[in-house]
């Protein structure tokens, strides 16, 4: 069994001072949302063994804030995941993302997290989910929002076996959905 966690970066400023899209930083809401999703992950183990993060500033900041919130939410000490920054995640299409996931067989983590960007991450989540939670699938159909998290399980022994429509969507959540759950 392999678990894949797809996390879209949190909300960002509209323009980076440098004028380069990759330099856009999280805004205040993005910081809160990254912390909220990190806290949720920290309270809902298992945690990722390996995290692949886009080199864009907003993706790195999302990981750093979420990681700190995860640590704060965990009661006992958990092992630190291996973290790798990958240029290839920026602007990647689903086929590119699938190749990156399949290459995880080298380190062979049981649980892999990708932190990247739409539209590729949203399209990938939809293309991988062949079964699973119907309500989660319906919620995910419209969008993978900023700081949105899709969790898919694969009944496989090796990451090289990941394929479209072979994943089971276990959970989809976002800061907005977490807030709605608290308000209910």
Foldseek 3Di string as FASTA:
>chain_A
DAKEKEWEFFAWDPAAPVRDPLATARDPRSLVFLLVLLLVDLVDDDDWQEEEFESRRRRVSSVVSSVVSSCVNHDDDDDDHHYHYDNCQEPHALVSVLVVQQVCQVVDIRYYYYYHHPPRSLVNLLFQALAEDPVQNVVSVVHQHHRKMWMWDAPDRGSNPRDTNRTYTHDIDGPVRVVVVVVD
